[in-house]
Protein backbone atom coordinates (compact mmCIF):
# COMPACT_ATOMS: atom_id res chain seq x y z
CA UNK A 1 -26.25 13.13 -27.80
CA UNK A 2 -27.65 15.38 -25.46
CA UNK A 3 -29.94 16.36 -28.04
CA UNK A 4 -30.54 13.13 -29.18
CA UNK A 5 -31.53 11.73 -25.75
CA UNK A 6 -33.90 14.81 -25.11
CA UNK A 7 -35.90 14.16 -28.27
CA UNK A 8 -36.07 10.45 -27.60
CA UNK A 9 -37.72 11.48 -24.40
CA UNK A 10 -40.15 13.95 -25.99
CA UNK A 11 -40.83 11.54 -28.59
CA UNK A 12 -41.66 8.96 -25.77
CA UNK A 13 -44.07 11.78 -24.11
CA UNK A 14 -45.77 12.38 -27.45
CA UNK A 15 -46.07 8.65 -28.25
CA UNK A 16 -48.08 7.63 -25.16
CA UNK A 17 -49.84 11.07 -25.41
CA UNK A 18 -48.87 11.97 -21.81
CA UNK A 19 -51.10 8.82 -20.86
CA UNK A 20 -49.92 8.88 -17.10
CA UNK A 21 -51.73 12.25 -16.62
CA UNK A 22 -54.99 10.87 -17.68
CA UNK A 23 -54.85 7.18 -16.75
CA UNK A 24 -55.83 7.28 -13.37
CA UNK A 25 -58.79 9.45 -14.45
CA UNK A 26 -59.99 7.11 -17.31
CA UNK A 27 -58.98 3.91 -15.53
CA UNK A 28 -62.30 3.17 -14.23
CA UNK A 29 -63.99 3.52 -17.17
CA UNK A 30 -61.67 2.08 -19.43
CA UNK A 31 -61.37 -1.31 -17.12
CA UNK A 32 -65.19 -1.58 -17.73
CA UNK A 33 -64.52 -1.93 -21.90
CA UNK A 34 -64.98 -5.70 -22.22
CA UNK A 35 -63.71 -7.76 -25.18
CA UNK A 36 -60.30 -6.99 -25.89
CA UNK A 37 -58.66 -9.13 -28.68
CA UNK A 38 -54.97 -9.10 -29.86
CA UNK A 39 -54.67 -10.09 -33.29
CA UNK A 40 -51.91 -10.55 -35.80
CA UNK A 41 -52.57 -8.73 -39.38
CA UNK A 42 -49.00 -10.30 -40.79
CA UNK A 43 -46.31 -12.36 -40.05
CA UNK A 44 -44.02 -9.69 -38.64
CA UNK A 45 -44.31 -9.41 -34.60
CA UNK A 46 -45.14 -5.54 -35.21
CA UNK A 47 -47.78 -6.41 -37.54
CA UNK A 48 -50.88 -6.77 -34.81
CA UNK A 49 -53.61 -4.75 -33.55
CA UNK A 50 -56.18 -4.75 -30.43
CA UNK A 51 -59.67 -4.89 -31.28
CA UNK A 52 -62.41 -3.89 -28.66
CA UNK A 53 -65.90 -5.21 -30.04
CA UNK A 54 -69.01 -2.27 -30.71
CA UNK A 55 -72.48 -2.54 -28.96
CA UNK A 56 -73.71 -4.76 -31.83
CA UNK A 57 -72.37 -6.93 -34.98
CA UNK A 58 -73.34 -3.73 -36.84
CA UNK A 59 -71.37 -1.32 -35.16
CA UNK A 60 -69.04 1.01 -37.05
CA UNK A 61 -65.23 0.74 -36.46
CA UNK A 62 -62.80 3.54 -35.34
CA UNK A 63 -59.05 2.48 -36.24
CA UNK A 64 -56.68 4.38 -34.54
CA UNK A 65 -52.91 4.69 -35.48
CA UNK A 66 -50.41 5.81 -33.03
CA UNK A 67 -47.97 8.48 -33.28
CA UNK A 68 -44.11 8.71 -32.03
CA UNK A 69 -42.01 10.24 -34.80
CA UNK A 70 -42.21 6.71 -37.13
CA UNK A 71 -39.98 5.28 -34.77
CA UNK A 72 -41.61 4.85 -31.60
CA UNK A 73 -45.13 4.23 -29.89
CA UNK A 74 -47.26 1.25 -29.24
CA UNK A 75 -51.01 0.32 -30.08
CA UNK A 76 -51.32 -0.31 -25.93
CA UNK A 77 -51.47 3.38 -25.80
CA UNK A 78 -55.41 2.72 -26.23
CA UNK A 79 -55.58 1.09 -23.24
CA UNK A 80 -56.72 3.06 -20.44
CA UNK A 81 -57.39 6.08 -22.88
CA UNK A 82 -60.69 8.55 -22.45
CA UNK A 83 -60.95 7.71 -26.10
CA UNK A 84 -61.69 3.92 -25.77
CA UNK A 85 -64.05 4.49 -23.16
CA UNK A 86 -65.73 7.29 -25.22
CA UNK A 87 -65.83 5.51 -28.22
CA UNK A 88 -67.07 2.51 -26.63
CA UNK A 89 -69.86 4.17 -25.02
CA UNK A 90 -71.47 5.51 -28.38
CA UNK A 91 -71.38 1.84 -29.34
CA UNK A 92 -68.46 1.62 -31.91
CA UNK A 93 -65.80 -0.89 -32.43
CA UNK A 94 -62.49 0.32 -31.51
CA UNK A 95 -59.08 -1.01 -33.20
CA UNK A 96 -55.37 0.16 -32.43
CA UNK A 97 -52.88 -0.61 -35.01
CA UNK A 98 -49.20 -1.39 -34.45
CA UNK A 99 -46.94 -1.21 -37.29
CA UNK A 100 -43.22 -1.50 -38.16
CA UNK A 101 -41.03 1.19 -36.90
CA UNK A 102 -37.87 3.10 -38.37
CA UNK A 103 -35.02 2.61 -38.78
CA UNK A 104 -35.86 -1.21 -38.94
CA UNK A 105 -38.26 -0.49 -41.28
CA UNK A 106 -39.29 2.21 -43.57
CA UNK A 107 -42.52 4.97 -43.65
CA UNK A 108 -43.22 3.08 -46.87
CA UNK A 109 -43.57 -0.26 -44.80
CA UNK A 110 -45.62 1.51 -42.17
CA UNK A 111 -48.07 2.80 -44.69
CA UNK A 112 -48.33 -0.59 -46.33
CA UNK A 113 -48.98 -1.96 -42.67
CA UNK A 114 -51.68 0.45 -41.94
CA UNK A 115 -53.55 -0.53 -45.22
CA UNK A 116 -52.95 -4.07 -44.43
CA UNK A 117 -54.09 -3.87 -41.12
CA UNK A 118 -57.55 -2.37 -42.51
CA UNK A 119 -57.88 -5.05 -45.31
CA UNK A 120 -57.19 -7.68 -42.41
CA UNK A 121 -60.03 -6.11 -40.26
CA UNK A 122 -62.33 -5.34 -43.24
CA UNK A 123 -61.82 -9.25 -44.30
CA UNK A 124 -63.00 -10.62 -40.96
CA UNK A 125 -65.74 -7.94 -39.96
CA UNK A 126 -68.26 -10.71 -39.55
CA UNK A 127 -66.33 -12.61 -37.04
CA UNK A 128 -65.30 -9.62 -35.01
CA UNK A 129 -68.70 -8.15 -35.11
CA UNK A 130 -68.49 -4.53 -37.17
CA UNK A 131 -70.15 -3.04 -40.35
CA UNK A 132 -67.14 -3.45 -42.79
CA UNK A 133 -68.58 -0.51 -45.11
CA UNK A 134 -68.20 1.79 -41.84
CA UNK A 135 -64.35 2.22 -41.10
CA UNK A 136 -62.94 5.28 -40.20
CA UNK A 137 -59.14 6.00 -39.72
CA UNK A 138 -57.74 8.46 -36.83
CA UNK A 139 -54.22 9.07 -36.28
CA UNK A 140 -52.33 11.22 -34.12
CA UNK A 141 -48.89 12.89 -35.15
CA UNK A 142 -46.82 10.32 -37.24
CA UNK A 143 -49.79 8.71 -37.35
CA UNK A 144 -52.01 11.25 -38.75
CA UNK A 145 -49.35 11.30 -41.64
CA UNK A 146 -49.78 7.62 -42.04
CA UNK A 147 -53.46 7.74 -42.35
CA UNK A 148 -53.42 11.08 -44.39
CA UNK A 149 -51.18 9.50 -46.87
CA UNK A 150 -53.15 5.91 -46.75
CA UNK A 151 -56.47 8.28 -47.53
CA UNK A 152 -54.50 10.26 -50.26
CA UNK A 153 -52.73 7.59 -52.21
CA UNK A 154 -54.55 4.81 -53.61
CA UNK A 155 -51.83 2.54 -53.94
CA UNK A 156 -51.69 1.68 -50.48
CA UNK A 157 -54.92 0.34 -50.03
CA UNK A 158 -55.02 -0.87 -53.69
CA UNK A 159 -51.87 -3.01 -52.62
CA UNK A 160 -53.69 -4.59 -49.61
CA UNK A 161 -56.28 -5.56 -52.19
CA UNK A 162 -58.92 -2.78 -51.21
CA UNK A 163 -60.23 0.78 -52.82
CA UNK A 164 -59.43 4.02 -51.35
CA UNK A 165 -63.46 4.32 -50.66
CA UNK A 166 -63.34 1.23 -48.77
CA UNK A 167 -62.68 3.68 -45.38
CA UNK A 168 -65.40 6.26 -45.15
CA UNK A 169 -63.25 8.56 -43.52
CA UNK A 170 -59.78 10.22 -42.47
CA UNK A 171 -58.99 11.91 -39.09
CA UNK A 172 -55.55 13.24 -38.75
CA UNK A 173 -55.01 14.58 -35.30
CA UNK A 174 -52.05 17.41 -35.19
CA UNK A 175 -49.84 16.18 -37.80
CA UNK A 176 -47.10 18.08 -39.36
CA UNK A 177 -45.58 16.33 -42.22
CA UNK A 178 -48.11 16.32 -44.86
CA UNK A 179 -45.64 17.93 -47.08
CA UNK A 180 -42.30 16.80 -46.18
CA UNK A 181 -39.94 19.05 -47.82
CA UNK A 182 -42.15 21.91 -46.32
CA UNK A 183 -41.74 20.36 -43.09
CA UNK A 184 -38.04 20.37 -43.44
CA UNK A 185 -37.91 23.67 -44.05
CA UNK A 186 -40.44 25.10 -41.53
CA UNK A 187 -40.16 22.44 -38.69
CA UNK A 188 -38.70 22.60 -35.24
CA UNK A 189 -35.12 22.10 -35.24
CA UNK A 190 -34.79 19.66 -32.68
CA UNK A 191 -37.15 17.64 -35.04
CA UNK A 192 -35.08 17.59 -38.24
CA UNK A 193 -32.99 14.59 -37.66
CA UNK A 194 -36.24 12.38 -36.93
CA UNK A 195 -37.56 13.94 -40.45
CA UNK A 196 -34.42 12.98 -42.06
CA UNK A 197 -34.28 9.57 -40.77
CA UNK A 198 -37.91 8.89 -41.45
CA UNK A 199 -37.90 10.61 -45.23
CA UNK A 200 -34.51 10.59 -46.27
CA UNK A 201 -33.18 13.49 -48.63
CA UNK A 202 -34.41 12.18 -51.95
CA UNK A 203 -37.09 14.85 -53.41
CA UNK A 204 -39.03 12.47 -55.39
CA UNK A 205 -39.50 10.17 -52.44
CA UNK A 206 -40.26 12.88 -50.10
CA UNK A 207 -43.30 14.03 -52.45
CA UNK A 208 -44.50 10.60 -52.76
CA UNK A 209 -44.72 10.42 -49.06
CA UNK A 210 -46.46 13.91 -48.86
CA UNK A 211 -50.40 13.47 -48.59
CA UNK A 212 -50.76 17.04 -49.66
CA UNK A 213 -48.99 16.35 -52.83
CA UNK A 214 -50.94 13.12 -53.23
CA UNK A 215 -54.18 14.63 -52.81
CA UNK A 216 -55.34 14.67 -56.28
CA UNK A 217 -58.51 12.55 -56.82
CA UNK A 218 -59.38 9.82 -55.66
CA UNK A 219 -58.99 10.22 -52.06
CA UNK A 220 -60.82 8.64 -49.22
CA UNK A 221 -64.43 10.19 -49.34
CA UNK A 222 -64.13 12.46 -46.28
CA UNK A 223 -61.69 14.19 -44.13
CA UNK A 224 -61.58 15.78 -40.78
CA UNK A 225 -58.14 17.65 -40.01
CA UNK A 226 -57.62 18.50 -36.14
CA UNK A 227 -54.65 20.59 -35.15
CA UNK A 228 -53.43 22.71 -32.23
CA UNK A 229 -51.67 26.11 -32.51
CA UNK A 230 -48.18 24.90 -33.54
CA UNK A 231 -47.29 27.25 -36.55
CA UNK A 232 -45.98 24.24 -38.52
CA UNK A 233 -49.28 21.96 -37.70
CA UNK A 234 -51.24 24.80 -38.61
CA UNK A 235 -49.61 25.65 -42.05
CA UNK A 236 -49.51 21.68 -42.81
CA UNK A 237 -53.26 21.20 -41.64
CA UNK A 238 -54.24 24.16 -43.62
CA UNK A 239 -52.08 23.16 -46.76
CA UNK A 240 -53.96 19.44 -46.93
CA UNK A 241 -57.19 21.06 -46.36
CA UNK A 242 -56.86 23.18 -49.32
CA UNK A 243 -55.50 20.46 -51.92
CA UNK A 244 -58.09 17.97 -50.68
CA UNK A 245 -60.86 20.64 -51.63
CA UNK A 246 -59.24 21.37 -54.62
CA UNK A 247 -59.43 17.72 -55.56
CA UNK A 248 -63.41 17.72 -54.34
CA UNK A 249 -63.00 15.95 -51.69
CA UNK A 250 -64.96 16.77 -48.43
CA UNK A 251 -63.19 18.06 -46.02
CA UNK A 252 -63.27 20.27 -42.47
CA UNK A 253 -60.73 21.46 -40.39
CA UNK A 254 -60.69 22.70 -37.06
CA UNK A 255 -58.06 24.41 -34.70
CA UNK A 256 -58.09 24.10 -31.04
CA UNK A 257 -55.95 25.67 -28.06
CA UNK A 258 -52.57 24.28 -27.37
CA UNK A 259 -49.01 25.17 -28.15
CA UNK A 260 -45.62 22.99 -28.28
CA UNK A 261 -45.42 19.37 -27.78
CA UNK A 262 -47.63 19.83 -24.62
CA UNK A 263 -50.57 20.89 -26.91
CA UNK A 264 -49.45 18.17 -29.34
CA UNK A 265 -49.77 15.40 -27.06
CA UNK A 266 -52.95 16.86 -25.15
CA UNK A 267 -55.17 16.79 -28.50
CA UNK A 268 -54.93 13.19 -28.37
CA UNK A 269 -55.11 12.39 -24.45
CA UNK A 270 -58.19 14.44 -24.35
CA UNK A 271 -60.07 13.11 -27.27
CA UNK A 272 -62.98 11.24 -25.71
CA UNK A 273 -63.09 13.82 -22.58
CA UNK A 274 -66.26 15.58 -22.45
CA UNK A 275 -65.07 19.17 -21.38
CA UNK A 276 -62.71 18.88 -24.33
CA UNK A 277 -64.05 20.61 -27.45
CA UNK A 278 -62.32 18.24 -29.77
CA UNK A 279 -64.41 15.60 -28.60
CA UNK A 280 -67.25 17.06 -29.53
CA UNK A 281 -66.33 17.87 -32.96
CA UNK A 282 -64.93 14.52 -33.51
CA UNK A 283 -68.06 12.94 -32.46
CA UNK A 284 -70.67 15.25 -34.60
CA UNK A 285 -68.41 14.20 -37.38
CA UNK A 286 -68.49 10.55 -36.85
CA UNK A 287 -72.19 10.58 -36.23
CA UNK A 288 -72.73 12.08 -39.67
CA UNK A 289 -69.94 9.53 -41.72
CA UNK A 290 -71.30 6.67 -40.13
CA UNK A 291 -75.06 7.14 -41.01
């Protein structure tokens, strides 16, 4: 019971990106981001998103998928974040996607939700005011796994009526379950229950939900994989990058300082901060992908 309580507290900290540490610093900027809309992309209450328009009706869209161990987290994490203020300053439209959560839903439901959210956004691009041909998905932690899965297995976007190249690129931030079976073998013992709860014990199902093992062509056109120095996260990120390269998919991978759950949360929380090296790497990549 003690471990379960501790894990819940740790997941809550990761899911929030330790937002309390940055909210005061970002509040002044984020409070100036106008035009937020809360929209439903499905019939279930969790199938919703928040959207902020960009500088013009032809701005590119950055769509963010939160983490939280597939069982926690919320789209509201984006509010008050450095990333929202920064992407808005760059002229990008921004969306923060909610999705159904384990155990009431499955990881398959979550991947389908992300794809449906993209389809909803793309189908309403003219009304919302962004360029439907320029969408990038960014996800942190469990969200990194989900965007990588949607970007490697065409069935998710196909199921939402889209093609896998309807998304310009995928940015997983410090995920560690790109190969589920491997993560169960090398991951932190405290997280084992979370992985089993999310992915079960069936080998075929675990393989189907492993982006690294689904990375044969076709894939989304480009990936930028960012990670800190957690051993399992490094190993999983490098293996995903290798699988994408083998498939001929454009991929870049970059590591940054940071260890443990503190580093894992910080890479997400600090995206958008001007002195954060990951911000500059992501900025350059987005500028190139959105050309």
